Amino acid sequence: MNIEKIIAEKLKISESQVQKTVELIDEGNTIPFISRYRKEVTGNLTDTVLRDLE
């Protein structure tokens, strides 16, 4: 079982949302920036879920 799948199940989101969000964080984007300007990439994840994912 991969880590993305475990996180997705725990947060009740899709694996692709986990993967895309992790990529944005790894690129140096902040949670407020992602939450506000990258909603289309994350599938409209809330800032609370983004912080949990971080």
PDB file of N, CA and C in Angstrom:
ATOM      1  N   MET A   1       0.853  -1.187   0.000  1.00  0.00           N
ATOM      2  CA  MET A   1       0.000   0.000   0.000  1.00  0.00           C
ATOM      3  C   MET A   1       0.895   1.245   0.000  1.00  0.00           C
ATOM      4  N   ASN A   2       0.630   2.168  -0.891  1.00  0.00           N
ATOM      5  CA  ASN A   2       1.467   3.367  -0.958  1.00  0.00           C
ATOM      6  C   ASN A   2       0.948   4.464  -0.034  1.00  0.00           C
ATOM      7  N   ILE A   3       1.822   5.375   0.293  1.00  0.00           N
ATOM      8  CA  ILE A   3       1.505   6.437   1.252  1.00  0.00           C
ATOM      9  C   ILE A   3       0.386   7.349   0.750  1.00  0.00           C
ATOM     10  N   GLU A   4       0.347   7.613  -0.547  1.00  0.00           N
ATOM     11  CA  GLU A   4      -0.704   8.469  -1.093  1.00  0.00           C
ATOM     12  C   GLU A   4      -2.083   7.857  -0.884  1.00  0.00           C
ATOM     13  N   LYS A   5      -2.161   6.546  -1.042  1.00  0.00           N
ATOM     14  CA  LYS A   5      -3.438   5.856  -0.852  1.00  0.00           C
ATOM     15  C   LYS A   5      -3.868   5.908   0.610  1.00  0.00           C
ATOM     16  N   ILE A   6      -2.922   5.731   1.517  1.00  0.00           N
ATOM     17  CA  ILE A   6      -3.225   5.776   2.953  1.00  0.00           C
ATOM     18  C   ILE A   6      -3.737   7.156   3.339  1.00  0.00           C
ATOM     19  N   ILE A   7      -3.041   8.199   2.875  1.00  0.00           N
ATOM     20  CA  ILE A   7      -3.448   9.571   3.182  1.00  0.00           C
ATOM     21  C   ILE A   7      -4.815   9.866   2.583  1.00  0.00           C
ATOM     22  N   ALA A   8      -5.034   9.453   1.354  1.00  0.00           N
ATOM     23  CA  ALA A   8      -6.319   9.691   0.688  1.00  0.00           C
ATOM     24  C   ALA A   8      -7.463   9.043   1.462  1.00  0.00           C
ATOM     25  N   GLU A   9      -7.261   7.826   1.913  1.00  0.00           N
ATOM     26  CA  GLU A   9      -8.305   7.139   2.671  1.00  0.00           C
ATOM     27  C   GLU A   9      -8.564   7.832   4.005  1.00  0.00           C
ATOM     28  N   LYS A  10      -7.509   8.248   4.669  1.00  0.00           N
ATOM     29  CA  LYS A  10      -7.659   8.898   5.969  1.00  0.00           C
ATOM     30  C   LYS A  10      -8.396  10.230   5.847  1.00  0.00           C
ATOM     31  N   LEU A  11      -8.064  11.016   4.818  1.00  0.00           N
ATOM     32  CA  LEU A  11      -8.684  12.331   4.633  1.00  0.00           C
ATOM     33  C   LEU A  11      -9.957  12.277   3.799  1.00  0.00           C
ATOM     34  N   LYS A  12     -10.287  11.093   3.286  1.00  0.00           N
ATOM     35  CA  LYS A  12     -11.483  10.896   2.451  1.00  0.00           C
ATOM     36  C   LYS A  12     -11.471  11.780   1.209  1.00  0.00           C
ATOM     37  N   ILE A  13     -10.320  11.767   0.535  1.00  0.00           N
ATOM     38  CA  ILE A  13     -10.158  12.465  -0.735  1.00  0.00           C
ATOM     39  C   ILE A  13      -9.537  11.489  -1.728  1.00  0.00           C
ATOM     40  N   SER A  14      -9.409  11.896  -2.976  1.00  0.00           N
ATOM     41  CA  SER A  14      -8.856  10.993  -3.984  1.00  0.00           C
ATOM     42  C   SER A  14      -7.324  10.993  -3.952  1.00  0.00           C
ATOM     43  N   GLU A  15      -6.749   9.920  -4.448  1.00  0.00           N
ATOM     44  CA  GLU A  15      -5.291   9.822  -4.526  1.00  0.00           C
ATOM     45  C   GLU A  15      -4.712  10.903  -5.438  1.00  0.00           C
ATOM     46  N   SER A  16      -5.423  11.241  -6.498  1.00  0.00           N
ATOM     47  CA  SER A  16      -4.921  12.272  -7.405  1.00  0.00           C
ATOM     48  C   SER A  16      -4.884  13.633  -6.714  1.00  0.00           C
ATOM     49  N   GLN A  17      -5.852  13.901  -5.836  1.00  0.00           N
ATOM     50  CA  GLN A  17      -5.824  15.145  -5.076  1.00  0.00           C
ATOM     51  C   GLN A  17      -4.603  15.188  -4.166  1.00  0.00           C
ATOM     52  N   VAL A  18      -4.296  14.070  -3.533  1.00  0.00           N
ATOM     53  CA  VAL A  18      -3.119  13.987  -2.673  1.00  0.00           C
ATOM     54  C   VAL A  18      -1.875  14.237  -3.497  1.00  0.00           C
ATOM     55  N   GLN A  19      -1.750  13.540  -4.610  1.00  0.00           N
ATOM     56  CA  GLN A  19      -0.561  13.645  -5.448  1.00  0.00           C
ATOM     57  C   GLN A  19      -0.359  15.077  -5.963  1.00  0.00           C
ATOM     58  N   LYS A  20      -1.398  15.683  -6.480  1.00  0.00           N
ATOM     59  CA  LYS A  20      -1.281  17.031  -7.040  1.00  0.00           C
ATOM     60  C   LYS A  20      -0.979  18.068  -5.957  1.00  0.00           C
ATOM     61  N   THR A  21      -1.579  17.900  -4.789  1.00  0.00           N
ATOM     62  CA  THR A  21      -1.332  18.835  -3.689  1.00  0.00           C
ATOM     63  C   THR A  21       0.088  18.706  -3.175  1.00  0.00           C
ATOM     64  N   VAL A  22       0.570  17.493  -3.046  1.00  0.00           N
ATOM     65  CA  VAL A  22       1.952  17.276  -2.601  1.00  0.00           C
ATOM     66  C   VAL A  22       2.928  17.900  -3.591  1.00  0.00           C
ATOM     67  N   GLU A  23       2.646  17.779  -4.869  1.00  0.00           N
ATOM     68  CA  GLU A  23       3.497  18.412  -5.888  1.00  0.00           C
ATOM     69  C   GLU A  23       3.543  19.923  -5.703  1.00  0.00           C
ATOM     70  N   LEU A  24       2.382  20.534  -5.449  1.00  0.00           N
ATOM     71  CA  LEU A  24       2.336  21.982  -5.246  1.00  0.00           C
ATOM     72  C   LEU A  24       3.127  22.387  -3.999  1.00  0.00           C
ATOM     73  N   ILE A  25       2.991  21.625  -2.920  1.00  0.00           N
ATOM     74  CA  ILE A  25       3.722  21.919  -1.692  1.00  0.00           C
ATOM     75  C   ILE A  25       5.217  21.756  -1.917  1.00  0.00           C
ATOM     76  N   ASP A  26       5.605  20.685  -2.616  1.00  0.00           N
ATOM     77  CA  ASP A  26       7.021  20.439  -2.904  1.00  0.00           C
ATOM     78  C   ASP A  26       7.635  21.543  -3.761  1.00  0.00           C
ATOM     79  N   GLU A  27       6.818  22.190  -4.581  1.00  0.00           N
ATOM     80  CA  GLU A  27       7.296  23.283  -5.419  1.00  0.00           C
ATOM     81  C   GLU A  27       7.486  24.569  -4.619  1.00  0.00           C
ATOM     82  N   GLY A  28       7.101  24.553  -3.340  1.00  0.00           N
ATOM     83  CA  GLY A  28       7.289  25.710  -2.477  1.00  0.00           C
ATOM     84  C   GLY A  28       6.070  26.593  -2.309  1.00  0.00           C
ATOM     85  N   ASN A  29       4.943  26.152  -2.815  1.00  0.00           N
ATOM     86  CA  ASN A  29       3.722  26.933  -2.662  1.00  0.00           C
ATOM     87  C   ASN A  29       3.201  26.817  -1.230  1.00  0.00           C
ATOM     88  N   THR A  30       2.661  27.913  -0.721  1.00  0.00           N
ATOM     89  CA  THR A  30       2.104  27.894   0.633  1.00  0.00           C
ATOM     90  C   THR A  30       0.651  27.414   0.599  1.00  0.00           C
ATOM     91  N   ILE A  31       0.163  26.972   1.755  1.00  0.00           N
ATOM     92  CA  ILE A  31      -1.218  26.501   1.845  1.00  0.00           C
ATOM     93  C   ILE A  31      -2.212  27.616   1.489  1.00  0.00           C
ATOM     94  N   PRO A  32      -2.045  28.849   2.007  1.00  0.00           N
ATOM     95  CA  PRO A  32      -2.987  29.900   1.603  1.00  0.00           C
ATOM     96  C   PRO A  32      -2.991  30.153   0.087  1.00  0.00           C
ATOM     97  N   PHE A  33      -1.809  30.118  -0.533  1.00  0.00           N
ATOM     98  CA  PHE A  33      -1.718  30.309  -1.984  1.00  0.00           C
ATOM     99  C   PHE A  33      -2.438  29.178  -2.717  1.00  0.00           C
ATOM    100  N   ILE A  34      -2.163  27.956  -2.309  1.00  0.00           N
ATOM    101  CA  ILE A  34      -2.803  26.799  -2.953  1.00  0.00           C
ATOM    102  C   ILE A  34      -4.312  26.872  -2.788  1.00  0.00           C
ATOM    103  N   SER A  35      -4.752  27.171  -1.580  1.00  0.00           N
ATOM    104  CA  SER A  35      -6.181  27.236  -1.283  1.00  0.00           C
ATOM    105  C   SER A  35      -6.891  28.293  -2.115  1.00  0.00           C
ATOM    106  N   ARG A  36      -6.241  29.409  -2.325  1.00  0.00           N
ATOM    107  CA  ARG A  36      -6.872  30.512  -3.038  1.00  0.00           C
ATOM    108  C   ARG A  36      -6.713  30.427  -4.551  1.00  0.00           C
ATOM    109  N   TYR A  37      -5.501  30.094  -5.019  1.00  0.00           N
ATOM    110  CA  TYR A  37      -5.215  30.216  -6.450  1.00  0.00           C
ATOM    111  C   TYR A  37      -5.062  28.905  -7.206  1.00  0.00           C
ATOM    112  N   ARG A  38      -5.061  27.793  -6.522  1.00  0.00           N
ATOM    113  CA  ARG A  38      -4.891  26.495  -7.196  1.00  0.00           C
ATOM    114  C   ARG A  38      -6.027  25.533  -6.907  1.00  0.00           C
ATOM    115  N   LYS A  39      -7.218  26.080  -6.691  1.00  0.00           N
ATOM    116  CA  LYS A  39      -8.386  25.248  -6.402  1.00  0.00           C
ATOM    117  C   LYS A  39      -8.662  24.248  -7.519  1.00  0.00           C
ATOM    118  N   GLU A  40      -8.442  24.688  -8.760  1.00  0.00           N
ATOM    119  CA  GLU A  40      -8.720  23.795  -9.897  1.00  0.00           C
ATOM    120  C   GLU A  40      -7.773  22.606  -9.916  1.00  0.00           C
ATOM    121  N   VAL A  41      -6.576  22.771  -9.380  1.00  0.00           N
ATOM    122  CA  VAL A  41      -5.592  21.678  -9.352  1.00  0.00           C
ATOM    123  C   VAL A  41      -5.911  20.688  -8.234  1.00  0.00           C
ATOM    124  N   THR A  42      -6.314  21.217  -7.075  1.00  0.00           N
ATOM    125  CA  THR A  42      -6.549  20.362  -5.912  1.00  0.00           C
ATOM    126  C   THR A  42      -7.961  19.802  -5.846  1.00  0.00           C
ATOM    127  N   GLY A  43      -8.806  20.217  -6.748  1.00  0.00           N
ATOM    128  CA  GLY A  43     -10.188  19.747  -6.703  1.00  0.00           C
ATOM    129  C   GLY A  43     -10.989  20.436  -5.616  1.00  0.00           C
ATOM    130  N   ASN A  44     -10.679  21.718  -5.392  1.00  0.00           N
ATOM    131  CA  ASN A  44     -11.388  22.547  -4.412  1.00  0.00           C
ATOM    132  C   ASN A  44     -11.264  22.057  -2.975  1.00  0.00           C
ATOM    133  N   LEU A  45     -10.097  21.552  -2.615  1.00  0.00           N
ATOM    134  CA  LEU A  45      -9.872  21.158  -1.229  1.00  0.00           C
ATOM    135  C   LEU A  45      -9.884  22.407  -0.350  1.00  0.00           C
ATOM    136  N   THR A  46     -10.457  22.281   0.830  1.00  0.00           N
ATOM    137  CA  THR A  46     -10.491  23.408   1.760  1.00  0.00           C
ATOM    138  C   THR A  46      -9.113  23.605   2.386  1.00  0.00           C
ATOM    139  N   ASP A  47      -8.909  24.782   2.959  1.00  0.00           N
ATOM    140  CA  ASP A  47      -7.624  25.035   3.600  1.00  0.00           C
ATOM    141  C   ASP A  47      -7.398  24.105   4.794  1.00  0.00           C
ATOM    142  N   THR A  48      -8.464  23.684   5.448  1.00  0.00           N
ATOM    143  CA  THR A  48      -8.339  22.744   6.564  1.00  0.00           C
ATOM    144  C   THR A  48      -7.795  21.399   6.086  1.00  0.00           C
ATOM    145  N   VAL A  49      -8.344  20.891   5.001  1.00  0.00           N
ATOM    146  CA  VAL A  49      -7.862  19.623   4.449  1.00  0.00           C
ATOM    147  C   VAL A  49      -6.435  19.774   3.940  1.00  0.00           C
ATOM    148  N   LEU A  50      -6.138  20.906   3.311  1.00  0.00           N
ATOM    149  CA  LEU A  50      -4.778  21.148   2.823  1.00  0.00           C
ATOM    150  C   LEU A  50      -3.776  21.147   3.972  1.00  0.00           C
ATOM    151  N   ARG A  51      -4.142  21.761   5.090  1.00  0.00           N
ATOM    152  CA  ARG A  51      -3.243  21.781   6.250  1.00  0.00           C
ATOM    153  C   ARG A  51      -3.068  20.389   6.828  1.00  0.00           C
ATOM    154  N   ASP A  52      -4.151  19.615   6.879  1.00  0.00           N
ATOM    155  CA  ASP A  52      -4.036  18.229   7.349  1.00  0.00           C
ATOM    156  C   ASP A  52      -3.137  17.422   6.427  1.00  0.00           C
ATOM    157  N   LEU A  53      -3.262  17.660   5.161  1.00  0.00           N
ATOM    158  CA  LEU A  53      -2.447  16.951   4.176  1.00  0.00           C
ATOM    159  C   LEU A  53      -0.978  17.332   4.287  1.00  0.00           C
ATOM    160  N   GLU A  54      -0.740  18.599   4.558  1.00  0.00           N
ATOM    161  CA  GLU A  54       0.641  19.068   4.699  1.00  0.00           C
ATOM    162  C   GLU A  54       1.322  18.343   5.847  1.00  0.00           C
TER     163      GLU A  54
END
